[in-house]
Each structure stands twice: as C-alpha cells, then as structure tokens.
Amino acid sequence: MESLKIGDQVIYPNQGLAVVEDIQEHGLAGIANRVFLLRLISNNIKIFLPSATAGEMGIRKLIAVPTIRKLFRFIKSGQVDITPDWKDRYKEHLHLMNTGTIFDLAFVLKCLFYLNLQKPLSFREKKMMEKAKEMIVSELSVVSALSESDVERKVLRSLADCFKGRKPSAEL
C-alpha cells in the first residue's frame, strides 16, 4: 500500500469505495509513520489509516477491467454451498465481507440471493446481502465507467441466470 497516491481510489473492506485525500507523516517515539486520510464515498466519513496496517486490514486498489469478465463468470456459474445454521452462516459471511476481495463479496451475494429465493432472509442477512451488492456495484461502476443502475441490473440478471432451475446443495 506504500504506492498509494492522493486521489487514488481504494476499497475499504465492509465499508466500500474510498478516496485517498491526504498522506501525512507522523512521528511517534522518533519513528516516522505514514498515514493515509481516506474518505468513504458512501457517507463522506474520513478515516486516518496507518500505511503499515492498510494491507492487514484488506485495503486494496480497485479491480482491473479484465477482472470484470471473470467476476461475472463467477456470479453466473456454479452452485453455492449454504451453511444450514444461520449463526454459522452469518459468521462465515461476515468474515468474507471483511476480507475485502470482490470475489468473496460475490460469494456472499450469491449465497444470500439464492437463500432469499428459498425463504425470507433474516434482517441481518438481508442487510448483508444489500451491502455486498452495493459494494460490488459501486466498484464495478467506477471501473467500467457505467452507471450504478446499469451495473446493478447486470449483476441481478447474472444472479438470476445462475439460479435458473438450481436446487440447494444443503438442506435449509
């Protein structure tokens, strides 16, 4: 993360798209520490983040354009493996949301979308599904230069294509 510059857009896990607004050097006990000032796009909250911990926290640059095609192939294909116990499922999905990778977000979205086709989601899972979708859509919108509504339609269409005629892999 040392290569970040002011104006770079990054993904802050479980929060979404952020912009590097400033980079400062702070000294502590005679040691200089680089600190990024990030502004979350969704709510304009500003966060100070030491560069040394940025990688550990899952801060990453936006995906490359060629990855978009791979992501949509991932969303459209494959069966999902849904953990039957909602507490275990929620913990697993929360962990995946916090990794920050777009493929982990897509996995969570696929699982919850499919589960929602089978039965109503709990409030927490519904909120998590919306957050995963929002994070994927906002990143793809910026990378592809398409509107968020166009990207959202494409994501939802891909999810619908994925689950046409599919059966759950675990008893619900």
Protein backbone atom coordinates (compact mmCIF):
# COMPACT_ATOMS: atom_id res chain seq x y z
CA MET A 1 0.00 0.00 0.00
CA GLU A 2 3.04 2.24 0.01
CA SER A 3 2.35 3.02 -3.65
CA LEU A 4 -0.91 4.86 -2.93
CA LYS A 5 -1.12 8.48 -4.01
CA ILE A 6 -3.52 11.29 -3.23
CA GLY A 7 -6.61 10.83 -5.39
CA ASP A 8 -6.30 7.03 -5.65
CA GLN A 9 -9.50 5.09 -5.14
CA VAL A 10 -9.37 2.05 -2.88
CA ILE A 11 -11.72 -0.47 -1.36
CA TYR A 12 -12.09 -0.38 2.41
CA PRO A 13 -13.42 -3.81 3.47
CA ASN A 14 -17.04 -3.88 4.58
CA GLN A 15 -17.25 -0.12 4.01
CA GLY A 16 -16.78 0.28 0.27
CA LEU A 17 -15.16 2.73 -2.07
CA ALA A 18 -12.82 5.33 -0.57
CA VAL A 19 -10.52 8.06 -1.90
CA VAL A 20 -7.05 8.84 -0.58
CA GLU A 21 -7.42 12.51 0.30
CA ASP A 22 -4.09 13.10 2.03
CA ILE A 23 -0.90 11.32 3.01
CA GLN A 24 0.86 12.52 6.12
CA GLU A 25 3.99 11.62 8.06
CA HIS A 26 3.51 11.34 11.80
CA GLY A 27 6.32 10.73 14.24
CA LEU A 28 5.88 8.56 17.28
CA ALA A 29 8.79 7.77 19.60
CA GLY A 30 11.20 9.04 16.96
CA ILE A 31 9.81 6.76 14.25
CA ALA A 32 8.14 8.26 11.20
CA ASN A 33 4.83 6.65 10.26
CA ARG A 34 2.98 7.23 7.02
CA VAL A 35 -0.76 7.78 7.49
CA PHE A 36 -3.44 7.86 4.81
CA LEU A 37 -6.52 10.02 5.14
CA LEU A 38 -9.34 8.15 3.41
CA ARG A 39 -12.81 9.48 2.67
CA LEU A 40 -15.55 6.92 2.26
CA ILE A 41 -17.59 7.77 -0.82
CA SER A 42 -20.88 6.39 0.52
CA ASN A 43 -21.11 8.66 3.58
CA ASN A 44 -18.15 11.11 3.45
CA ILE A 45 -16.66 9.76 6.69
CA LYS A 46 -12.93 10.40 6.95
CA ILE A 47 -10.60 7.75 8.33
CA PHE A 48 -6.94 8.00 9.31
CA LEU A 49 -5.19 4.76 8.47
CA PRO A 50 -1.51 3.93 9.15
CA SER A 51 0.06 2.60 5.96
CA ALA A 52 1.68 -0.22 7.92
CA THR A 53 -1.74 -1.71 8.75
CA ALA A 54 -3.50 -0.99 5.46
CA GLY A 55 -2.62 -4.35 3.96
CA GLU A 56 -3.60 -6.25 7.11
CA MET A 57 -6.98 -4.53 7.09
CA GLY A 58 -7.61 -5.62 3.50
CA ILE A 59 -7.37 -2.17 1.90
CA ARG A 60 -6.88 -2.75 -1.80
CA LYS A 61 -6.88 -0.97 -5.11
CA LEU A 62 -9.84 -1.35 -7.44
CA ILE A 63 -10.01 -4.41 -9.65
CA ALA A 64 -8.63 -4.22 -13.18
CA VAL A 65 -11.01 -4.10 -16.15
CA PRO A 66 -10.18 -7.69 -17.29
CA THR A 67 -11.28 -8.96 -13.86
CA ILE A 68 -14.84 -7.75 -14.51
CA ARG A 69 -15.44 -10.54 -17.03
CA LYS A 70 -14.06 -13.15 -14.59
CA LEU A 71 -16.31 -11.80 -11.85
CA PHE A 72 -19.44 -12.06 -13.97
CA ARG A 73 -18.48 -15.62 -14.98
CA PHE A 74 -18.14 -16.41 -11.28
CA ILE A 75 -21.52 -14.87 -10.47
CA LYS A 76 -23.28 -16.68 -13.34
CA SER A 77 -21.81 -20.11 -12.74
CA GLY A 78 -21.57 -22.70 -10.08
CA GLN A 79 -23.65 -23.92 -7.25
CA VAL A 80 -23.46 -22.31 -3.83
CA ASP A 81 -22.77 -24.19 -0.64
CA ILE A 82 -25.03 -22.76 2.03
CA THR A 83 -24.30 -23.44 5.68
CA PRO A 84 -27.62 -24.55 7.20
CA ASP A 85 -27.17 -22.93 10.63
CA TRP A 86 -27.84 -19.21 10.30
CA LYS A 87 -25.38 -18.25 13.08
CA ASP A 88 -22.52 -20.14 11.45
CA ARG A 89 -23.53 -18.85 8.02
CA TYR A 90 -23.63 -15.26 9.29
CA LYS A 91 -20.16 -15.56 10.88
CA GLU A 92 -18.74 -17.10 7.70
CA HIS A 93 -20.26 -14.38 5.53
CA LEU A 94 -19.13 -11.62 7.90
CA HIS A 95 -15.58 -12.93 7.69
CA LEU A 96 -15.78 -12.94 3.89
CA MET A 97 -17.18 -9.39 3.85
CA ASN A 98 -14.20 -8.26 5.93
CA THR A 99 -11.59 -9.75 3.59
CA GLY A 100 -12.37 -7.08 1.04
CA THR A 101 -11.92 -9.20 -2.09
CA ILE A 102 -14.58 -8.72 -4.70
CA PHE A 103 -14.88 -12.48 -5.26
CA ASP A 104 -15.61 -13.02 -1.55
CA LEU A 105 -18.27 -10.31 -1.76
CA ALA A 106 -19.73 -12.01 -4.82
CA PHE A 107 -19.79 -15.35 -3.00
CA VAL A 108 -21.72 -13.81 -0.09
CA LEU A 109 -24.12 -12.12 -2.51
CA LYS A 110 -24.69 -15.37 -4.43
CA CYS A 111 -25.36 -17.38 -1.28
CA LEU A 112 -27.76 -14.86 0.21
CA PHE A 113 -29.50 -14.19 -3.10
CA TYR A 114 -30.12 -17.91 -3.52
CA LEU A 115 -31.22 -18.35 0.07
CA ASN A 116 -33.62 -15.44 -0.39
CA LEU A 117 -35.18 -17.31 -3.32
CA GLN A 118 -35.84 -20.24 -0.97
CA LYS A 119 -37.12 -18.38 2.10
CA PRO A 120 -37.20 -14.87 3.56
CA LEU A 121 -33.85 -13.71 4.90
CA SER A 122 -33.37 -12.50 8.45
CA PHE A 123 -32.96 -8.76 8.88
CA ARG A 124 -29.19 -9.15 9.34
CA GLU A 125 -28.74 -11.34 6.28
CA LYS A 126 -30.91 -9.08 4.15
CA LYS A 127 -28.79 -6.11 5.21
CA MET A 128 -25.60 -8.05 4.47
CA MET A 129 -26.87 -9.03 1.02
CA GLU A 130 -27.65 -5.40 0.22
CA LYS A 131 -24.22 -4.29 1.48
CA ALA A 132 -22.43 -6.91 -0.64
CA LYS A 133 -24.44 -5.88 -3.70
CA GLU A 134 -23.81 -2.18 -3.03
CA MET A 135 -20.06 -2.71 -2.69
CA ILE A 136 -19.82 -4.80 -5.86
CA VAL A 137 -21.97 -2.40 -7.87
CA SER A 138 -20.09 0.72 -6.75
CA GLU A 139 -16.69 -0.77 -7.59
CA LEU A 140 -17.78 -2.15 -10.96
CA SER A 141 -19.44 1.15 -11.81
CA VAL A 142 -16.22 3.09 -11.26
CA VAL A 143 -14.01 0.55 -13.02
CA SER A 144 -16.31 0.08 -16.02
CA ALA A 145 -17.46 3.73 -16.25
CA LEU A 146 -21.10 2.57 -16.34
CA SER A 147 -23.91 3.91 -14.19
CA GLU A 148 -24.62 2.12 -10.94
CA SER A 149 -28.15 1.30 -12.12
CA ASP A 150 -26.80 -0.37 -15.29
CA VAL A 151 -24.25 -2.37 -13.29
CA GLU A 152 -26.87 -3.39 -10.72
CA ARG A 153 -29.20 -4.64 -13.46
CA LYS A 154 -26.35 -6.68 -14.94
CA VAL A 155 -25.42 -8.17 -11.55
CA LEU A 156 -29.04 -9.10 -10.76
CA ARG A 157 -29.52 -10.60 -14.23
CA SER A 158 -26.35 -12.67 -13.75
CA LEU A 159 -27.60 -13.92 -10.38
CA ALA A 160 -30.96 -14.84 -11.86
CA ASP A 161 -29.21 -16.72 -14.69
CA CYS A 162 -27.08 -18.57 -12.15
CA PHE A 163 -30.05 -19.98 -10.26
CA LYS A 164 -32.44 -20.91 -13.04
CA GLY A 165 -33.57 -24.42 -12.21
CA ARG A 166 -30.96 -25.00 -9.49
CA LYS A 167 -31.52 -26.99 -6.31
CA PRO A 168 -29.92 -26.15 -2.94
CA SER A 169 -26.75 -28.08 -2.10
CA ALA A 170 -27.67 -28.34 1.59
CA GLU A 171 -30.90 -28.82 3.45
CA LEU A 172 -32.28 -25.49 4.60
